Amino acid sequence: METIDSTDYIMVGLELFNHCQYQEAITACRKGMLLEPSNKIAWLIIGDALYQLNQYQEAADAYDNALAYTPKNANVWVNIANSLRYLGQLDDALYACTRALSIDPTLSRAWISKGAILRDLNQYEGAIGCYDRALEIDNTIHGFKKPKLISSFHDRQILLTNL
């Protein structure tokens, strides 16, 4: 009989995550972490599953645990930023995005996240600059709504100048 190791549990967790069975994915990864507590992949899957379950603080905590083992992973910093943004912690989210971009300035999703945070902070020109940078890096980004942002920024500027 084969022994089940941490990788087996984590691979099951990934498969469950890919089938949108987020709670079950968390359970499988936690079982794997009983055997290998420092497994950064397990922490990432747990963070992603919690994020999908709208448990943003718990997701941010899981991503923080992943950073303990992979501190220069720009994607993890972006995941933290997105979680913090949904918690309304915009300054901390902006800091996390800045960290991600200091590690990898060509990570388009970091620029998109930074743009969204700046938009939430009503810093529209900065947001547009971030979106422009994301599109310079990858002009195939799907679901990107830059024209809507530009329109709302333009409308806001008109309203402000007519006060």
C-alpha atoms as a PDB file:
ATOM      1  CA  MET A   1       0.000   0.000   0.000  1.00  0.00           C
ATOM      2  CA  GLU A   2       1.382   3.400  -1.004  1.00  0.00           C
ATOM      3  CA  THR A   3       1.941   6.080   1.577  1.00  0.00           C
ATOM      4  CA  ILE A   4       0.055   9.333   1.056  1.00  0.00           C
ATOM      5  CA  ASP A   5       2.331  12.348   1.370  1.00  0.00           C
ATOM      6  CA  SER A   6       1.717  16.078   1.557  1.00  0.00           C
ATOM      7  CA  THR A   7       1.985  16.509  -2.204  1.00  0.00           C
ATOM      8  CA  ASP A   8      -0.873  14.049  -2.728  1.00  0.00           C
ATOM      9  CA  TYR A   9      -3.179  16.058  -0.473  1.00  0.00           C
ATOM     10  CA  ILE A  10      -2.143  19.354  -2.050  1.00  0.00           C
ATOM     11  CA  MET A  11      -2.669  18.026  -5.578  1.00  0.00           C
ATOM     12  CA  VAL A  12      -6.141  16.891  -4.540  1.00  0.00           C
ATOM     13  CA  GLY A  13      -6.682  20.361  -3.077  1.00  0.00           C
ATOM     14  CA  LEU A  14      -5.676  21.951  -6.369  1.00  0.00           C
ATOM     15  CA  GLU A  15      -8.000  19.659  -8.302  1.00  0.00           C
ATOM     16  CA  LEU A  16     -10.869  20.498  -5.953  1.00  0.00           C
ATOM     17  CA  PHE A  17     -10.099  24.205  -6.292  1.00  0.00           C
ATOM     18  CA  ASN A  18     -10.145  23.903 -10.083  1.00  0.00           C
ATOM     19  CA  HIS A  19     -13.628  22.381  -9.779  1.00  0.00           C
ATOM     20  CA  CYS A  20     -14.839  25.264  -7.566  1.00  0.00           C
ATOM     21  CA  GLN A  21     -15.017  23.060  -4.477  1.00  0.00           C
ATOM     22  CA  TYR A  22     -13.271  25.639  -2.362  1.00  0.00           C
ATOM     23  CA  GLN A  23     -14.043  24.425   1.152  1.00  0.00           C
ATOM     24  CA  GLU A  24     -12.975  20.901   0.235  1.00  0.00           C
ATOM     25  CA  ALA A  25      -9.785  22.281  -1.348  1.00  0.00           C
ATOM     26  CA  ILE A  26      -8.956  24.049   1.909  1.00  0.00           C
ATOM     27  CA  THR A  27      -9.513  20.845   3.872  1.00  0.00           C
ATOM     28  CA  ALA A  28      -7.284  18.799   1.553  1.00  0.00           C
ATOM     29  CA  CYS A  29      -4.487  21.368   1.657  1.00  0.00           C
ATOM     30  CA  ARG A  30      -4.656  21.622   5.441  1.00  0.00           C
ATOM     31  CA  LYS A  31      -4.275  17.841   5.647  1.00  0.00           C
ATOM     32  CA  GLY A  32      -1.203  18.134   3.450  1.00  0.00           C
ATOM     33  CA  MET A  33       0.148  20.880   5.674  1.00  0.00           C
ATOM     34  CA  LEU A  34      -0.077  18.608   8.692  1.00  0.00           C
ATOM     35  CA  LEU A  35       2.672  16.631   6.963  1.00  0.00           C
ATOM     36  CA  GLU A  36       4.529  19.647   5.533  1.00  0.00           C
ATOM     37  CA  PRO A  37       3.612  22.925   7.294  1.00  0.00           C
ATOM     38  CA  SER A  38       5.934  25.047   5.156  1.00  0.00           C
ATOM     39  CA  ASN A  39       4.349  24.154   1.819  1.00  0.00           C
ATOM     40  CA  LYS A  40       3.866  27.503   0.075  1.00  0.00           C
ATOM     41  CA  ILE A  41       1.678  25.981  -2.657  1.00  0.00           C
ATOM     42  CA  ALA A  42      -0.789  24.794  -0.031  1.00  0.00           C
ATOM     43  CA  TRP A  43      -0.914  28.290   1.477  1.00  0.00           C
ATOM     44  CA  LEU A  44      -1.550  29.777  -1.975  1.00  0.00           C
ATOM     45  CA  ILE A  45      -4.376  27.350  -2.746  1.00  0.00           C
ATOM     46  CA  ILE A  46      -5.912  28.008   0.663  1.00  0.00           C
ATOM     47  CA  GLY A  47      -5.623  31.770   0.100  1.00  0.00           C
ATOM     48  CA  ASP A  48      -7.174  31.524  -3.351  1.00  0.00           C
ATOM     49  CA  ALA A  49     -10.021  29.337  -2.065  1.00  0.00           C
ATOM     50  CA  LEU A  50     -10.739  31.711   0.818  1.00  0.00           C
ATOM     51  CA  TYR A  51     -10.684  34.634  -1.614  1.00  0.00           C
ATOM     52  CA  GLN A  52     -13.250  32.857  -3.814  1.00  0.00           C
ATOM     53  CA  LEU A  53     -15.382  32.339  -0.695  1.00  0.00           C
ATOM     54  CA  ASN A  54     -15.209  36.126  -0.051  1.00  0.00           C
ATOM     55  CA  GLN A  55     -13.253  35.527   3.157  1.00  0.00           C
ATOM     56  CA  TYR A  56     -10.785  38.267   2.353  1.00  0.00           C
ATOM     57  CA  GLN A  57      -9.115  38.664   5.761  1.00  0.00           C
ATOM     58  CA  GLU A  58      -8.499  34.932   6.001  1.00  0.00           C
ATOM     59  CA  ALA A  59      -7.226  34.931   2.415  1.00  0.00           C
ATOM     60  CA  ALA A  60      -4.806  37.769   3.196  1.00  0.00           C
ATOM     61  CA  ASP A  61      -3.596  35.824   6.242  1.00  0.00           C
ATOM     62  CA  ALA A  62      -3.008  32.703   4.125  1.00  0.00           C
ATOM     63  CA  TYR A  63      -1.089  34.754   1.546  1.00  0.00           C
ATOM     64  CA  ASP A  64       0.983  36.256   4.379  1.00  0.00           C
ATOM     65  CA  ASN A  65       1.880  32.712   5.404  1.00  0.00           C
ATOM     66  CA  ALA A  66       2.937  31.956   1.827  1.00  0.00           C
ATOM     67  CA  LEU A  67       5.173  35.047   1.898  1.00  0.00           C
ATOM     68  CA  ALA A  68       7.070  33.562   4.817  1.00  0.00           C
ATOM     69  CA  TYR A  69       8.345  30.923   2.374  1.00  0.00           C
ATOM     70  CA  THR A  70       8.422  32.964  -0.830  1.00  0.00           C
ATOM     71  CA  PRO A  71       8.826  36.672   0.037  1.00  0.00           C
ATOM     72  CA  LYS A  72       9.797  37.726  -3.475  1.00  0.00           C
ATOM     73  CA  ASN A  73       6.712  36.305  -5.167  1.00  0.00           C
ATOM     74  CA  ALA A  74       5.043  39.295  -6.842  1.00  0.00           C
ATOM     75  CA  ASN A  75       1.828  37.361  -7.472  1.00  0.00           C
ATOM     76  CA  VAL A  76       1.380  36.705  -3.770  1.00  0.00           C
ATOM     77  CA  TRP A  77       1.779  40.434  -3.072  1.00  0.00           C
ATOM     78  CA  VAL A  78      -0.918  41.175  -5.675  1.00  0.00           C
ATOM     79  CA  ASN A  79      -3.212  38.606  -4.067  1.00  0.00           C
ATOM     80  CA  ILE A  80      -2.701  40.309  -0.710  1.00  0.00           C
ATOM     81  CA  ALA A  81      -3.412  43.692  -2.309  1.00  0.00           C
ATOM     82  CA  ASN A  82      -6.661  42.442  -3.840  1.00  0.00           C
ATOM     83  CA  SER A  83      -7.795  40.921  -0.548  1.00  0.00           C
ATOM     84  CA  LEU A  84      -7.007  44.115   1.354  1.00  0.00           C
ATOM     85  CA  ARG A  85      -8.791  46.199  -1.281  1.00  0.00           C
ATOM     86  CA  TYR A  86     -12.002  44.244  -0.702  1.00  0.00           C
ATOM     87  CA  LEU A  87     -11.576  44.805   3.033  1.00  0.00           C
ATOM     88  CA  GLY A  88     -11.374  48.553   2.393  1.00  0.00           C
ATOM     89  CA  GLN A  89      -7.756  48.727   3.571  1.00  0.00           C
ATOM     90  CA  LEU A  90      -6.713  50.763   0.554  1.00  0.00           C
ATOM     91  CA  ASP A  91      -3.433  52.176   1.886  1.00  0.00           C
ATOM     92  CA  ASP A  92      -2.219  48.707   2.834  1.00  0.00           C
ATOM     93  CA  ALA A  93      -3.455  47.359  -0.507  1.00  0.00           C
ATOM     94  CA  LEU A  94      -1.522  50.071  -2.340  1.00  0.00           C
ATOM     95  CA  TYR A  95       1.604  49.194  -0.348  1.00  0.00           C
ATOM     96  CA  ALA A  96       1.233  45.506  -1.296  1.00  0.00           C
ATOM     97  CA  CYS A  97       0.858  46.434  -4.982  1.00  0.00           C
ATOM     98  CA  THR A  98       3.928  48.631  -4.768  1.00  0.00           C
ATOM     99  CA  ARG A  99       5.846  45.700  -3.292  1.00  0.00           C
ATOM    100  CA  ALA A 100       4.667  43.451  -6.137  1.00  0.00           C
ATOM    101  CA  LEU A 101       5.759  45.984  -8.740  1.00  0.00           C
ATOM    102  CA  SER A 102       9.137  46.461  -7.080  1.00  0.00           C
ATOM    103  CA  ILE A 103       9.687  42.714  -7.528  1.00  0.00           C
ATOM    104  CA  ASP A 104       8.246  42.472 -11.047  1.00  0.00           C
ATOM    105  CA  PRO A 105       7.449  45.750 -12.835  1.00  0.00           C
ATOM    106  CA  THR A 106       6.190  43.789 -15.854  1.00  0.00           C
ATOM    107  CA  LEU A 107       3.383  42.013 -13.994  1.00  0.00           C
ATOM    108  CA  SER A 108       0.306  43.406 -15.733  1.00  0.00           C
ATOM    109  CA  ARG A 109      -2.129  42.154 -13.100  1.00  0.00           C
ATOM    110  CA  ALA A 110      -0.243  44.194 -10.501  1.00  0.00           C
ATOM    111  CA  TRP A 111      -0.740  47.328 -12.592  1.00  0.00           C
ATOM    112  CA  ILE A 112      -4.449  46.520 -12.976  1.00  0.00           C
ATOM    113  CA  SER A 113      -4.809  46.005  -9.225  1.00  0.00           C
ATOM    114  CA  LYS A 114      -2.936  49.219  -8.488  1.00  0.00           C
ATOM    115  CA  GLY A 115      -5.209  51.028 -10.935  1.00  0.00           C
ATOM    116  CA  ALA A 116      -8.307  49.685  -9.180  1.00  0.00           C
ATOM    117  CA  ILE A 117      -6.960  50.749  -5.793  1.00  0.00           C
ATOM    118  CA  LEU A 118      -6.123  54.226  -7.065  1.00  0.00           C
ATOM    119  CA  ARG A 119      -9.592  54.434  -8.611  1.00  0.00           C
ATOM    120  CA  ASP A 120     -11.087  53.526  -5.224  1.00  0.00           C
ATOM    121  CA  LEU A 121      -8.962  56.319  -3.720  1.00  0.00           C
ATOM    122  CA  ASN A 122     -10.409  58.711  -6.336  1.00  0.00           C
ATOM    123  CA  GLN A 123      -6.980  59.113  -7.912  1.00  0.00           C
ATOM    124  CA  TYR A 124      -8.299  58.727 -11.437  1.00  0.00           C
ATOM    125  CA  GLU A 125      -5.321  59.998 -13.386  1.00  0.00           C
ATOM    126  CA  GLY A 126      -3.002  57.632 -11.532  1.00  0.00           C
ATOM    127  CA  ALA A 127      -5.454  54.788 -12.144  1.00  0.00           C
ATOM    128  CA  ILE A 128      -5.516  55.489 -15.869  1.00  0.00           C
ATOM    129  CA  GLY A 129      -1.713  55.543 -15.913  1.00  0.00           C
ATOM    130  CA  CYS A 130      -1.654  52.115 -14.279  1.00  0.00           C
ATOM    131  CA  TYR A 131      -4.178  50.722 -16.738  1.00  0.00           C
ATOM    132  CA  ASP A 132      -2.153  52.166 -19.620  1.00  0.00           C
ATOM    133  CA  ARG A 133       0.963  50.471 -18.260  1.00  0.00           C
ATOM    134  CA  ALA A 134      -0.873  47.152 -17.944  1.00  0.00           C
ATOM    135  CA  LEU A 135      -1.965  47.372 -21.570  1.00  0.00           C
ATOM    136  CA  GLU A 136       1.564  48.287 -22.694  1.00  0.00           C
ATOM    137  CA  ILE A 137       2.787  45.099 -21.048  1.00  0.00           C
ATOM    138  CA  ASP A 138      -0.049  42.880 -22.264  1.00  0.00           C
ATOM    139  CA  ASN A 139      -2.524  44.195 -24.817  1.00  0.00           C
ATOM    140  CA  THR A 140      -4.492  40.938 -24.727  1.00  0.00           C
ATOM    141  CA  ILE A 141      -5.926  41.463 -21.248  1.00  0.00           C
ATOM    142  CA  HIS A 142      -9.500  40.152 -21.178  1.00  0.00           C
ATOM    143  CA  GLY A 143     -12.346  41.873 -19.396  1.00  0.00           C
ATOM    144  CA  PHE A 144     -10.496  45.149 -19.131  1.00  0.00           C
ATOM    145  CA  LYS A 145     -12.812  48.140 -18.831  1.00  0.00           C
ATOM    146  CA  LYS A 146     -10.494  51.098 -19.447  1.00  0.00           C
ATOM    147  CA  PRO A 147     -12.959  53.025 -21.662  1.00  0.00           C
ATOM    148  CA  LYS A 148     -15.552  52.998 -18.848  1.00  0.00           C
ATOM    149  CA  LEU A 149     -13.005  54.362 -16.409  1.00  0.00           C
ATOM    150  CA  ILE A 150     -11.921  57.091 -18.831  1.00  0.00           C
ATOM    151  CA  SER A 151     -15.543  58.037 -19.420  1.00  0.00           C
ATOM    152  CA  SER A 152     -16.285  58.249 -15.690  1.00  0.00           C
ATOM    153  CA  PHE A 153     -13.094  60.230 -15.105  1.00  0.00           C
ATOM    154  CA  HIS A 154     -13.964  62.592 -17.961  1.00  0.00           C
ATOM    155  CA  ASP A 155     -17.529  63.030 -16.657  1.00  0.00           C
ATOM    156  CA  ARG A 156     -16.221  63.708 -13.158  1.00  0.00           C
ATOM    157  CA  GLN A 157     -13.777  66.327 -14.460  1.00  0.00           C
ATOM    158  CA  ILE A 158     -16.613  68.074 -16.333  1.00  0.00           C
ATOM    159  CA  LEU A 159     -18.749  68.083 -13.190  1.00  0.00           C
ATOM    160  CA  LEU A 160     -15.910  69.459 -11.081  1.00  0.00           C
ATOM    161  CA  THR A 161     -15.115  72.264 -13.521  1.00  0.00           C
ATOM    162  CA  ASN A 162     -18.790  73.306 -13.661  1.00  0.00           C
ATOM    163  CA  LEU A 163     -19.168  73.729  -9.886  1.00  0.00           C
END
